[in-house]
Amino acid sequence: MTPDPASPVRPYAVTGGRTAPRVKLAMEALVSSATAEQREFSHITPEYQAISQLCRQVRSVAEVSALLRIPLGVVRVLIADMAAEGLVRVHQPQLDAGRPDVNLLERVLSGLRRL
């Protein structure tokens, strides 16, 4: 589900005016849906629905942003909120002496190239 480019809703309205997530999320952090396929989505926002559907396949935060055409900062706030509600699982990269995992970065780069 891609937001309508002509939509009058501004990104800050989607996040309730917040510009920073409750927890720090790396753009290469992997996100997977924690919801069952047949779960009732009538009580969650269209953005939550789109992220949940998209993350049935593991995606990076950056991929979610690009595929849904939602700014990265907004996606970070939404994903952090969804993780707090148990709607998605976030797998943060493990840092080794301040350096991100090379295998993870290669997977993210490969995914971005496919876009």
PDB file of N, CA and C in Angstrom:
ATOM      1  N   MET A   1       0.840  -1.174   0.000  1.00  0.00           N
ATOM      2  CA  MET A   1       0.000   0.000   0.000  1.00  0.00           C
ATOM      3  C   MET A   1       0.879   1.229   0.000  1.00  0.00           C
ATOM      4  N   THR A   2       0.805   2.047  -0.996  1.00  0.00           N
ATOM      5  CA  THR A   2       1.595   3.255  -1.104  1.00  0.00           C
ATOM      6  C   THR A   2       0.707   4.458  -0.833  1.00  0.00           C
ATOM      7  N   PRO A   3       1.148   5.355   0.065  1.00  0.00           N
ATOM      8  CA  PRO A   3       0.352   6.532   0.336  1.00  0.00           C
ATOM      9  C   PRO A   3       0.128   7.348  -0.931  1.00  0.00           C
ATOM     10  N   ASP A   4      -1.027   7.961  -1.032  1.00  0.00           N
ATOM     11  CA  ASP A   4      -1.375   8.795  -2.174  1.00  0.00           C
ATOM     12  C   ASP A   4      -0.498  10.035  -2.163  1.00  0.00           C
ATOM     13  N   PRO A   5       0.278  10.297  -3.246  1.00  0.00           N
ATOM     14  CA  PRO A   5       1.168  11.448  -3.261  1.00  0.00           C
ATOM     15  C   PRO A   5       0.419  12.769  -3.112  1.00  0.00           C
ATOM     16  N   ALA A   6      -0.857  12.809  -3.467  1.00  0.00           N
ATOM     17  CA  ALA A   6      -1.638  14.035  -3.372  1.00  0.00           C
ATOM     18  C   ALA A   6      -2.326  14.157  -2.012  1.00  0.00           C
ATOM     19  N   SER A   7      -2.048  13.226  -1.109  1.00  0.00           N
ATOM     20  CA  SER A   7      -2.690  13.216   0.198  1.00  0.00           C
ATOM     21  C   SER A   7      -2.367  14.489   0.972  1.00  0.00           C
ATOM     22  N   PRO A   8      -3.379  15.098   1.594  1.00  0.00           N
ATOM     23  CA  PRO A   8      -3.139  16.303   2.382  1.00  0.00           C
ATOM     24  C   PRO A   8      -2.526  16.015   3.758  1.00  0.00           C
ATOM     25  N   VAL A   9      -2.395  14.744   4.128  1.00  0.00           N
ATOM     26  CA  VAL A   9      -1.836  14.390   5.430  1.00  0.00           C
ATOM     27  C   VAL A   9      -0.324  14.559   5.383  1.00  0.00           C
ATOM     28  N   ARG A  10       0.193  15.345   6.300  1.00  0.00           N
ATOM     29  CA  ARG A  10       1.627  15.586   6.371  1.00  0.00           C
ATOM     30  C   ARG A  10       2.282  14.557   7.285  1.00  0.00           C
ATOM     31  N   PRO A  11       3.569  14.249   7.038  1.00  0.00           N
ATOM     32  CA  PRO A  11       4.246  13.225   7.843  1.00  0.00           C
ATOM     33  C   PRO A  11       4.155  13.461   9.346  1.00  0.00           C
ATOM     34  N   TYR A  12       4.264  14.727   9.800  1.00  0.00           N
ATOM     35  CA  TYR A  12       4.212  14.974  11.236  1.00  0.00           C
ATOM     36  C   TYR A  12       2.850  14.633  11.822  1.00  0.00           C
ATOM     37  N   ALA A  13       1.804  14.666  11.011  1.00  0.00           N
ATOM     38  CA  ALA A  13       0.475  14.299  11.494  1.00  0.00           C
ATOM     39  C   ALA A  13       0.387  12.785  11.710  1.00  0.00           C
ATOM     40  N   VAL A  14       1.080  12.024  10.883  1.00  0.00           N
ATOM     41  CA  VAL A  14       1.074  10.566  10.991  1.00  0.00           C
ATOM     42  C   VAL A  14       1.750  10.115  12.290  1.00  0.00           C
ATOM     43  N   THR A  15       2.751  10.881  12.734  1.00  0.00           N
ATOM     44  CA  THR A  15       3.498  10.506  13.935  1.00  0.00           C
ATOM     45  C   THR A  15       3.030  11.266  15.171  1.00  0.00           C
ATOM     46  N   GLY A  16       1.960  11.997  15.063  1.00  0.00           N
ATOM     47  CA  GLY A  16       1.484  12.767  16.209  1.00  0.00           C
ATOM     48  C   GLY A  16       2.406  13.918  16.555  1.00  0.00           C
ATOM     49  N   GLY A  17       3.145  14.405  15.582  1.00  0.00           N
ATOM     50  CA  GLY A  17       4.051  15.528  15.793  1.00  0.00           C
ATOM     51  C   GLY A  17       5.434  15.134  16.275  1.00  0.00           C
ATOM     52  N   ARG A  18       5.655  13.853  16.547  1.00  0.00           N
ATOM     53  CA  ARG A  18       6.964  13.411  17.012  1.00  0.00           C
ATOM     54  C   ARG A  18       7.928  13.276  15.848  1.00  0.00           C
ATOM     55  N   THR A  19       9.163  13.662  16.089  1.00  0.00           N
ATOM     56  CA  THR A  19      10.178  13.578  15.031  1.00  0.00           C
ATOM     57  C   THR A  19      11.255  12.553  15.340  1.00  0.00           C
ATOM     58  N   ALA A  20      11.253  12.023  16.553  1.00  0.00           N
ATOM     59  CA  ALA A  20      12.262  11.030  16.937  1.00  0.00           C
ATOM     60  C   ALA A  20      11.566   9.796  17.507  1.00  0.00           C
ATOM     61  N   PRO A  21      12.067   8.608  17.158  1.00  0.00           N
ATOM     62  CA  PRO A  21      11.476   7.387  17.709  1.00  0.00           C
ATOM     63  C   PRO A  21      11.776   7.259  19.199  1.00  0.00           C
ATOM     64  N   ARG A  22      10.965   6.463  19.886  1.00  0.00           N
ATOM     65  CA  ARG A  22      11.161   6.236  21.323  1.00  0.00           C
ATOM     66  C   ARG A  22      12.450   5.477  21.599  1.00  0.00           C
ATOM     67  N   VAL A  23      12.841   4.634  20.654  1.00  0.00           N
ATOM     68  CA  VAL A  23      14.117   3.920  20.748  1.00  0.00           C
ATOM     69  C   VAL A  23      14.885   4.188  19.462  1.00  0.00           C
ATOM     70  N   LYS A  24      16.195   4.220  19.571  1.00  0.00           N
ATOM     71  CA  LYS A  24      17.026   4.491  18.399  1.00  0.00           C
ATOM     72  C   LYS A  24      16.968   3.300  17.447  1.00  0.00           C
ATOM     73  N   LEU A  25      16.640   3.560  16.195  1.00  0.00           N
ATOM     74  CA  LEU A  25      16.573   2.518  15.167  1.00  0.00           C
ATOM     75  C   LEU A  25      17.573   2.830  14.068  1.00  0.00           C
ATOM     76  N   ALA A  26      18.458   1.895  13.819  1.00  0.00           N
ATOM     77  CA  ALA A  26      19.390   2.048  12.700  1.00  0.00           C
ATOM     78  C   ALA A  26      18.622   1.846  11.403  1.00  0.00           C
ATOM     79  N   MET A  27      19.021   2.533  10.360  1.00  0.00           N
ATOM     80  CA  MET A  27      18.317   2.376   9.086  1.00  0.00           C
ATOM     81  C   MET A  27      18.498   0.987   8.503  1.00  0.00           C
ATOM     82  N   GLU A  28      19.545   0.272   8.947  1.00  0.00           N
ATOM     83  CA  GLU A  28      19.752  -1.089   8.461  1.00  0.00           C
ATOM     84  C   GLU A  28      19.130  -2.136   9.387  1.00  0.00           C
ATOM     85  N   ALA A  29      18.476  -1.686  10.458  1.00  0.00           N
ATOM     86  CA  ALA A  29      17.797  -2.632  11.354  1.00  0.00           C
ATOM     87  C   ALA A  29      16.746  -3.399  10.563  1.00  0.00           C
ATOM     88  N   LEU A  30      16.622  -4.689  10.852  1.00  0.00           N
ATOM     89  CA  LEU A  30      15.677  -5.537  10.136  1.00  0.00           C
ATOM     90  C   LEU A  30      14.356  -5.599  10.888  1.00  0.00           C
ATOM     91  N   VAL A  31      13.263  -5.553  10.143  1.00  0.00           N
ATOM     92  CA  VAL A  31      11.923  -5.529  10.721  1.00  0.00           C
ATOM     93  C   VAL A  31      11.126  -6.684  10.139  1.00  0.00           C
ATOM     94  N   SER A  32      10.427  -7.397  11.019  1.00  0.00           N
ATOM     95  CA  SER A  32       9.542  -8.463  10.560  1.00  0.00           C
ATOM     96  C   SER A  32       8.207  -8.316  11.265  1.00  0.00           C
ATOM     97  N   SER A  33       7.157  -8.697  10.568  1.00  0.00           N
ATOM     98  CA  SER A  33       5.810  -8.604  11.119  1.00  0.00           C
ATOM     99  C   SER A  33       5.640  -9.626  12.239  1.00  0.00           C
ATOM    100  N   ALA A  34       4.999  -9.207  13.306  1.00  0.00           N
ATOM    101  CA  ALA A  34       4.750 -10.108  14.433  1.00  0.00           C
ATOM    102  C   ALA A  34       3.279 -10.504  14.484  1.00  0.00           C
ATOM    103  N   THR A  35       2.524 -10.119  13.453  1.00  0.00           N
ATOM    104  CA  THR A  35       1.087 -10.387  13.454  1.00  0.00           C
ATOM    105  C   THR A  35       0.762 -11.591  12.589  1.00  0.00           C
ATOM    106  N   ALA A  36      -0.306 -12.264  12.949  1.00  0.00           N
ATOM    107  CA  ALA A  36      -0.789 -13.389  12.145  1.00  0.00           C
ATOM    108  C   ALA A  36      -1.430 -12.837  10.870  1.00  0.00           C
ATOM    109  N   GLU A  37      -1.418 -13.612   9.821  1.00  0.00           N
ATOM    110  CA  GLU A  37      -1.939 -13.152   8.528  1.00  0.00           C
ATOM    111  C   GLU A  37      -3.393 -12.711   8.582  1.00  0.00           C
ATOM    112  N   GLN A  38      -4.206 -13.389   9.374  1.00  0.00           N
ATOM    113  CA  GLN A  38      -5.636 -13.100   9.393  1.00  0.00           C
ATOM    114  C   GLN A  38      -6.031 -12.124  10.503  1.00  0.00           C
ATOM    115  N   ARG A  39      -5.083 -11.458  11.103  1.00  0.00           N
ATOM    116  CA  ARG A  39      -5.377 -10.549  12.207  1.00  0.00           C
ATOM    117  C   ARG A  39      -6.288  -9.420  11.759  1.00  0.00           C
ATOM    118  N   GLU A  40      -7.145  -8.990  12.631  1.00  0.00           N
ATOM    119  CA  GLU A  40      -8.070  -7.886  12.369  1.00  0.00           C
ATOM    120  C   GLU A  40      -7.295  -6.568  12.409  1.00  0.00           C
ATOM    121  N   PHE A  41      -7.334  -5.817  11.318  1.00  0.00           N
ATOM    122  CA  PHE A  41      -6.583  -4.569  11.219  1.00  0.00           C
ATOM    123  C   PHE A  41      -7.465  -3.329  11.293  1.00  0.00           C
ATOM    124  N   SER A  42      -8.722  -3.466  11.643  1.00  0.00           N
ATOM    125  CA  SER A  42      -9.625  -2.321  11.615  1.00  0.00           C
ATOM    126  C   SER A  42      -9.262  -1.252  12.641  1.00  0.00           C
ATOM    127  N   HIS A  43      -8.537  -1.621  13.685  1.00  0.00           N
ATOM    128  CA  HIS A  43      -8.224  -0.658  14.743  1.00  0.00           C
ATOM    129  C   HIS A  43      -6.865   0.015  14.575  1.00  0.00           C
ATOM    130  N   ILE A  44      -6.098  -0.334  13.556  1.00  0.00           N
ATOM    131  CA  ILE A  44      -4.791   0.300  13.382  1.00  0.00           C
ATOM    132  C   ILE A  44      -4.782   1.174  12.134  1.00  0.00           C
ATOM    133  N   THR A  45      -3.842   2.090  12.095  1.00  0.00           N
ATOM    134  CA  THR A  45      -3.788   3.078  11.012  1.00  0.00           C
ATOM    135  C   THR A  45      -3.398   2.425   9.687  1.00  0.00           C
ATOM    136  N   PRO A  46      -3.700   3.099   8.592  1.00  0.00           N
ATOM    137  CA  PRO A  46      -3.295   2.571   7.278  1.00  0.00           C
ATOM    138  C   PRO A  46      -1.777   2.405   7.170  1.00  0.00           C
ATOM    139  N   GLU A  47      -1.017   3.290   7.801  1.00  0.00           N
ATOM    140  CA  GLU A  47       0.441   3.188   7.764  1.00  0.00           C
ATOM    141  C   GLU A  47       0.910   1.926   8.500  1.00  0.00           C
ATOM    142  N   TYR A  48       0.317   1.648   9.654  1.00  0.00           N
ATOM    143  CA  TYR A  48       0.645   0.430  10.393  1.00  0.00           C
ATOM    144  C   TYR A  48       0.299  -0.798   9.553  1.00  0.00           C
ATOM    145  N   GLN A  49      -0.849  -0.752   8.910  1.00  0.00           N
ATOM    146  CA  GLN A  49      -1.270  -1.882   8.075  1.00  0.00           C
ATOM    147  C   GLN A  49      -0.263  -2.118   6.953  1.00  0.00           C
ATOM    148  N   ALA A  50       0.138  -1.032   6.297  1.00  0.00           N
ATOM    149  CA  ALA A  50       1.074  -1.154   5.177  1.00  0.00           C
ATOM    150  C   ALA A  50       2.424  -1.707   5.644  1.00  0.00           C
ATOM    151  N   ILE A  51       2.916  -1.216   6.772  1.00  0.00           N
ATOM    152  CA  ILE A  51       4.194  -1.693   7.294  1.00  0.00           C
ATOM    153  C   ILE A  51       4.087  -3.164   7.689  1.00  0.00           C
ATOM    154  N   SER A  52       3.006  -3.521   8.358  1.00  0.00           N
ATOM    155  CA  SER A  52       2.808  -4.904   8.786  1.00  0.00           C
ATOM    156  C   SER A  52       2.761  -5.852   7.591  1.00  0.00           C
ATOM    157  N   GLN A  53       2.035  -5.466   6.551  1.00  0.00           N
ATOM    158  CA  GLN A  53       1.936  -6.298   5.350  1.00  0.00           C
ATOM    159  C   GLN A  53       3.296  -6.415   4.656  1.00  0.00           C
ATOM    160  N   LEU A  54       3.984  -5.304   4.522  1.00  0.00           N
ATOM    161  CA  LEU A  54       5.276  -5.285   3.839  1.00  0.00           C
ATOM    162  C   LEU A  54       6.318  -6.118   4.596  1.00  0.00           C
ATOM    163  N   CYS A  55       6.245  -6.103   5.921  1.00  0.00           N
ATOM    164  CA  CYS A  55       7.250  -6.782   6.734  1.00  0.00           C
ATOM    165  C   CYS A  55       6.926  -8.250   6.983  1.00  0.00           C
ATOM    166  N   ARG A  56       5.997  -8.800   6.233  1.00  0.00           N
ATOM    167  CA  ARG A  56       5.804 -10.253   6.284  1.00  0.00           C
ATOM    168  C   ARG A  56       7.074 -10.915   5.766  1.00  0.00           C
ATOM    169  N   GLN A  57       7.784 -10.199   4.903  1.00  0.00           N
ATOM    170  CA  GLN A  57       9.140 -10.561   4.482  1.00  0.00           C
ATOM    171  C   GLN A  57      10.054  -9.632   5.269  1.00  0.00           C
ATOM    172  N   VAL A  58      11.139 -10.129   5.795  1.00  0.00           N
ATOM    173  CA  VAL A  58      12.047  -9.293   6.581  1.00  0.00           C
ATOM    174  C   VAL A  58      12.586  -8.172   5.698  1.00  0.00           C
ATOM    175  N   ARG A  59      12.485  -6.961   6.208  1.00  0.00           N
ATOM    176  CA  ARG A  59      12.947  -5.769   5.471  1.00  0.00           C
ATOM    177  C   ARG A  59      13.754  -4.883   6.404  1.00  0.00           C
ATOM    178  N   SER A  60      14.616  -4.082   5.827  1.00  0.00           N
ATOM    179  CA  SER A  60      15.325  -3.088   6.632  1.00  0.00           C
ATOM    180  C   SER A  60      14.424  -1.867   6.785  1.00  0.00           C
ATOM    181  N   VAL A  61      14.717  -1.057   7.779  1.00  0.00           N
ATOM    182  CA  VAL A  61      13.963   0.179   7.991  1.00  0.00           C
ATOM    183  C   VAL A  61      14.049   1.043   6.730  1.00  0.00           C
ATOM    184  N   ALA A  62      15.223   1.101   6.123  1.00  0.00           N
ATOM    185  CA  ALA A  62      15.408   1.895   4.903  1.00  0.00           C
ATOM    186  C   ALA A  62      14.544   1.368   3.754  1.00  0.00           C
ATOM    187  N   GLU A  63      14.439   0.042   3.625  1.00  0.00           N
ATOM    188  CA  GLU A  63      13.597  -0.539   2.570  1.00  0.00           C
ATOM    189  C   GLU A  63      12.130  -0.179   2.780  1.00  0.00           C
ATOM    190  N   VAL A  64      11.670  -0.264   4.030  1.00  0.00           N
ATOM    191  CA  VAL A  64      10.279   0.079   4.330  1.00  0.00           C
ATOM    192  C   VAL A  64      10.011   1.518   3.914  1.00  0.00           C
ATOM    193  N   SER A  65      10.921   2.411   4.261  1.00  0.00           N
ATOM    194  CA  SER A  65      10.787   3.818   3.899  1.00  0.00           C
ATOM    195  C   SER A  65      10.706   3.993   2.381  1.00  0.00           C
ATOM    196  N   ALA A  66      11.614   3.350   1.670  1.00  0.00           N
ATOM    197  CA  ALA A  66      11.663   3.495   0.208  1.00  0.00           C
ATOM    198  C   ALA A  66      10.439   2.880  -0.466  1.00  0.00           C
ATOM    199  N   LEU A  67      10.061   1.684  -0.046  1.00  0.00           N
ATOM    200  CA  LEU A  67       8.948   0.995  -0.702  1.00  0.00           C
ATOM    201  C   LEU A  67       7.601   1.664  -0.449  1.00  0.00           C
ATOM    202  N   LEU A  68       7.443   2.258   0.730  1.00  0.00           N
ATOM    203  CA  LEU A  68       6.177   2.928   1.039  1.00  0.00           C
ATOM    204  C   LEU A  68       6.200   4.421   0.709  1.00  0.00           C
ATOM    205  N   ARG A  69       7.370   4.899   0.301  1.00  0.00           N
ATOM    206  CA  ARG A  69       7.530   6.318  -0.035  1.00  0.00           C
ATOM    207  C   ARG A  69       7.126   7.221   1.126  1.00  0.00           C
ATOM    208  N   ILE A  70       7.599   6.828   2.306  1.00  0.00           N
ATOM    209  CA  ILE A  70       7.389   7.598   3.526  1.00  0.00           C
ATOM    210  C   ILE A  70       8.777   8.003   4.017  1.00  0.00           C
ATOM    211  N   PRO A  71       8.959   9.255   4.449  1.00  0.00           N
ATOM    212  CA  PRO A  71      10.285   9.684   4.915  1.00  0.00           C
ATOM    213  C   PRO A  71      10.852   8.761   5.996  1.00  0.00           C
ATOM    214  N   LEU A  72      12.168   8.580   5.972  1.00  0.00           N
ATOM    215  CA  LEU A  72      12.846   7.674   6.889  1.00  0.00           C
ATOM    216  C   LEU A  72      12.558   8.004   8.349  1.00  0.00           C
ATOM    217  N   GLY A  73      12.566   9.264   8.705  1.00  0.00           N
ATOM    218  CA  GLY A  73      12.298   9.660  10.087  1.00  0.00           C
ATOM    219  C   GLY A  73      10.910   9.252  10.543  1.00  0.00           C
ATOM    220  N   VAL A  74       9.939   9.372   9.660  1.00  0.00           N
ATOM    221  CA  VAL A  74       8.562   8.990   9.977  1.00  0.00           C
ATOM    222  C   VAL A  74       8.471   7.478  10.150  1.00  0.00           C
ATOM    223  N   VAL A  75       9.109   6.738   9.250  1.00  0.00           N
ATOM    224  CA  VAL A  75       9.084   5.276   9.333  1.00  0.00           C
ATOM    225  C   VAL A  75       9.748   4.812  10.631  1.00  0.00           C
ATOM    226  N   ARG A  76      10.828   5.454  11.030  1.00  0.00           N
ATOM    227  CA  ARG A  76      11.485   5.081  12.286  1.00  0.00           C
ATOM    228  C   ARG A  76      10.529   5.244  13.469  1.00  0.00           C
ATOM    229  N   VAL A  77       9.810   6.352  13.514  1.00  0.00           N
ATOM    230  CA  VAL A  77       8.860   6.595  14.605  1.00  0.00           C
ATOM    231  C   VAL A  77       7.761   5.540  14.576  1.00  0.00           C
ATOM    232  N   LEU A  78       7.200   5.279  13.400  1.00  0.00           N
ATOM    233  CA  LEU A  78       6.109   4.308  13.281  1.00  0.00           C
ATOM    234  C   LEU A  78       6.559   2.899  13.674  1.00  0.00           C
ATOM    235  N   ILE A  79       7.726   2.478  13.188  1.00  0.00           N
ATOM    236  CA  ILE A  79       8.219   1.137  13.497  1.00  0.00           C
ATOM    237  C   ILE A  79       8.519   1.000  14.989  1.00  0.00           C
ATOM    238  N   ALA A  80       9.101   2.022  15.594  1.00  0.00           N
ATOM    239  CA  ALA A  80       9.369   1.974  17.037  1.00  0.00           C
ATOM    240  C   ALA A  80       8.060   1.839  17.820  1.00  0.00           C
ATOM    241  N   ASP A  81       7.041   2.590  17.409  1.00  0.00           N
ATOM    242  CA  ASP A  81       5.729   2.493  18.061  1.00  0.00           C
ATOM    243  C   ASP A  81       5.124   1.104  17.867  1.00  0.00           C
ATOM    244  N   MET A  82       5.231   0.583  16.647  1.00  0.00           N
ATOM    245  CA  MET A  82       4.685  -0.748  16.361  1.00  0.00           C
ATOM    246  C   MET A  82       5.415  -1.823  17.169  1.00  0.00           C
ATOM    247  N   ALA A  83       6.715  -1.675  17.330  1.00  0.00           N
ATOM    248  CA  ALA A  83       7.482  -2.645  18.114  1.00  0.00           C
ATOM    249  C   ALA A  83       7.032  -2.609  19.578  1.00  0.00           C
ATOM    250  N   ALA A  84       6.773  -1.412  20.095  1.00  0.00           N
ATOM    251  CA  ALA A  84       6.313  -1.282  21.474  1.00  0.00           C
ATOM    252  C   ALA A  84       4.948  -1.940  21.674  1.00  0.00           C
ATOM    253  N   GLU A  85       4.136  -1.958  20.619  1.00  0.00           N
ATOM    254  CA  GLU A  85       2.808  -2.572  20.682  1.00  0.00           C
ATOM    255  C   GLU A  85       2.833  -4.056  20.320  1.00  0.00           C
ATOM    256  N   GLY A  86       4.001  -4.572  19.945  1.00  0.00           N
ATOM    257  CA  GLY A  86       4.120  -5.986  19.600  1.00  0.00           C
ATOM    258  C   GLY A  86       3.650  -6.327  18.197  1.00  0.00           C
ATOM    259  N   LEU A  87       3.523  -5.328  17.330  1.00  0.00           N
ATOM    260  CA  LEU A  87       3.067  -5.564  15.956  1.00  0.00           C
ATOM    261  C   LEU A  87       4.198  -5.973  15.023  1.00  0.00           C
ATOM    262  N   VAL A  88       5.421  -5.561  15.336  1.00  0.00           N
ATOM    263  CA  VAL A  88       6.590  -5.945  14.542  1.00  0.00           C
ATOM    264  C   VAL A  88       7.726  -6.310  15.489  1.00  0.00           C
ATOM    265  N   ARG A  89       8.673  -7.047  14.952  1.00  0.00           N
ATOM    266  CA  ARG A  89       9.906  -7.366  15.670  1.00  0.00           C
ATOM    267  C   ARG A  89      11.035  -6.607  14.981  1.00  0.00           C
ATOM    268  N   VAL A  90      11.896  -6.011  15.771  1.00  0.00           N
ATOM    269  CA  VAL A  90      13.030  -5.259  15.231  1.00  0.00           C
ATOM    270  C   VAL A  90      14.302  -5.975  15.651  1.00  0.00           C
ATOM    271  N   HIS A  91      15.166  -6.209  14.672  1.00  0.00           N
ATOM    272  CA  HIS A  91      16.436  -6.879  14.896  1.00  0.00           C
ATOM    273  C   HIS A  91      17.547  -5.871  14.589  1.00  0.00           C
ATOM    274  N   GLN A  92      18.053  -5.264  15.657  1.00  0.00           N
ATOM    275  CA  GLN A  92      19.084  -4.240  15.503  1.00  0.00           C
ATOM    276  C   GLN A  92      20.418  -4.897  15.157  1.00  0.00           C
ATOM    277  N   PRO A  93      21.239  -4.239  14.346  1.00  0.00           N
ATOM    278  CA  PRO A  93      22.560  -4.797  14.031  1.00  0.00           C
ATOM    279  C   PRO A  93      23.436  -4.790  15.280  1.00  0.00           C
ATOM    280  N   GLN A  94      24.235  -5.827  15.427  1.00  0.00           N
ATOM    281  CA  GLN A  94      25.180  -5.911  16.543  1.00  0.00           C
ATOM    282  C   GLN A  94      26.461  -5.207  16.135  1.00  0.00           C
ATOM    283  N   LEU A  95      26.915  -4.340  16.981  1.00  0.00           N
ATOM    284  CA  LEU A  95      28.147  -3.609  16.682  1.00  0.00           C
ATOM    285  C   LEU A  95      29.338  -4.340  17.276  1.00  0.00           C
ATOM    286  N   ASP A  96      30.366  -4.487  16.468  1.00  0.00           N
ATOM    287  CA  ASP A  96      31.603  -5.123  16.906  1.00  0.00           C
ATOM    288  C   ASP A  96      32.679  -4.048  16.917  1.00  0.00           C
ATOM    289  N   ALA A  97      33.021  -3.589  18.100  1.00  0.00           N
ATOM    290  CA  ALA A  97      34.015  -2.512  18.257  1.00  0.00           C
ATOM    291  C   ALA A  97      33.602  -1.272  17.475  1.00  0.00           C
ATOM    292  N   GLY A  98      32.308  -0.962  17.496  1.00  0.00           N
ATOM    293  CA  GLY A  98      31.832   0.241  16.835  1.00  0.00           C
ATOM    294  C   GLY A  98      31.556   0.081  15.353  1.00  0.00           C
ATOM    295  N   ARG A  99      31.713  -1.122  14.840  1.00  0.00           N
ATOM    296  CA  ARG A  99      31.490  -1.358  13.411  1.00  0.00           C
ATOM    297  C   ARG A  99      30.271  -2.256  13.217  1.00  0.00           C
ATOM    298  N   PRO A 100      29.421  -1.928  12.236  1.00  0.00           N
ATOM    299  CA  PRO A 100      28.263  -2.791  11.977  1.00  0.00           C
ATOM    300  C   PRO A 100      28.687  -4.122  11.345  1.00  0.00           C
ATOM    301  N   ASP A 101      27.845  -5.107  11.452  1.00  0.00           N
ATOM    302  CA  ASP A 101      28.085  -6.427  10.885  1.00  0.00           C
ATOM    303  C   ASP A 101      28.161  -6.331   9.362  1.00  0.00           C
ATOM    304  N   VAL A 102      29.251  -6.788   8.780  1.00  0.00           N
ATOM    305  CA  VAL A 102      29.472  -6.700   7.335  1.00  0.00           C
ATOM    306  C   VAL A 102      28.416  -7.510   6.569  1.00  0.00           C
ATOM    307  N   ASN A 103      28.057  -8.691   7.075  1.00  0.00           N
ATOM    308  CA  ASN A 103      27.045  -9.504   6.393  1.00  0.00           C
ATOM    309  C   ASN A 103      25.705  -8.783   6.325  1.00  0.00           C
ATOM    310  N   LEU A 104      25.340  -8.123   7.415  1.00  0.00           N
ATOM    311  CA  LEU A 104      24.090  -7.373   7.432  1.00  0.00           C
ATOM    312  C   LEU A 104      24.133  -6.241   6.416  1.00  0.00           C
ATOM    313  N   LEU A 105      25.214  -5.513   6.382  1.00  0.00           N
ATOM    314  CA  LEU A 105      25.334  -4.406   5.433  1.00  0.00           C
ATOM    315  C   LEU A 105      25.268  -4.895   3.987  1.00  0.00           C
ATOM    316  N   GLU A 106      25.868  -6.044   3.721  1.00  0.00           N
ATOM    317  CA  GLU A 106      25.810  -6.600   2.367  1.00  0.00           C
ATOM    318  C   GLU A 106      24.376  -6.977   1.990  1.00  0.00           C
ATOM    319  N   ARG A 107      23.600  -7.539   2.948  1.00  0.00           N
ATOM    320  CA  ARG A 107      22.206  -7.887   2.678  1.00  0.00           C
ATOM    321  C   ARG A 107      21.364  -6.642   2.431  1.00  0.00           C
ATOM    322  N   VAL A 108      21.609  -5.594   3.214  1.00  0.00           N
ATOM    323  CA  VAL A 108      20.878  -4.335   3.028  1.00  0.00           C
ATOM    324  C   VAL A 108      21.222  -3.738   1.670  1.00  0.00           C
ATOM    325  N   LEU A 109      22.489  -3.715   1.323  1.00  0.00           N
ATOM    326  CA  LEU A 109      22.917  -3.167   0.033  1.00  0.00           C
ATOM    327  C   LEU A 109      22.304  -3.952  -1.114  1.00  0.00           C
ATOM    328  N   SER A 110      22.273  -5.261  -0.995  1.00  0.00           N
ATOM    329  CA  SER A 110      21.664  -6.099  -2.017  1.00  0.00           C
ATOM    330  C   SER A 110      20.181  -5.784  -2.170  1.00  0.00           C
ATOM    331  N   GLY A 111      19.496  -5.621  -1.050  1.00  0.00           N
ATOM    332  CA  GLY A 111      18.070  -5.274  -1.088  1.00  0.00           C
ATOM    333  C   GLY A 111      17.835  -3.909  -1.713  1.00  0.00           C
ATOM    334  N   LEU A 112      18.683  -2.959  -1.397  1.00  0.00           N
ATOM    335  CA  LEU A 112      18.526  -1.620  -1.984  1.00  0.00           C
ATOM    336  C   LEU A 112      18.786  -1.633  -3.489  1.00  0.00           C
ATOM    337  N   ARG A 113      19.711  -2.445  -3.919  1.00  0.00           N
ATOM    338  CA  ARG A 113      19.998  -2.537  -5.361  1.00  0.00           C
ATOM    339  C   ARG A 113      18.800  -3.109  -6.120  1.00  0.00           C
ATOM    340  N   ARG A 114      18.054  -4.020  -5.455  1.00  0.00           N
ATOM    341  CA  ARG A 114      16.876  -4.611  -6.109  1.00  0.00           C
ATOM    342  C   ARG A 114      15.765  -3.596  -6.293  1.00  0.00           C
ATOM    343  N   LEU A 115      15.782  -2.524  -5.509  1.00  0.00           N
ATOM    344  CA  LEU A 115      14.744  -1.496  -5.642  1.00  0.00           C
ATOM    345  C   LEU A 115      14.947  -0.765  -6.938  1.00  0.00           C
TER     346      LEU A 115
END
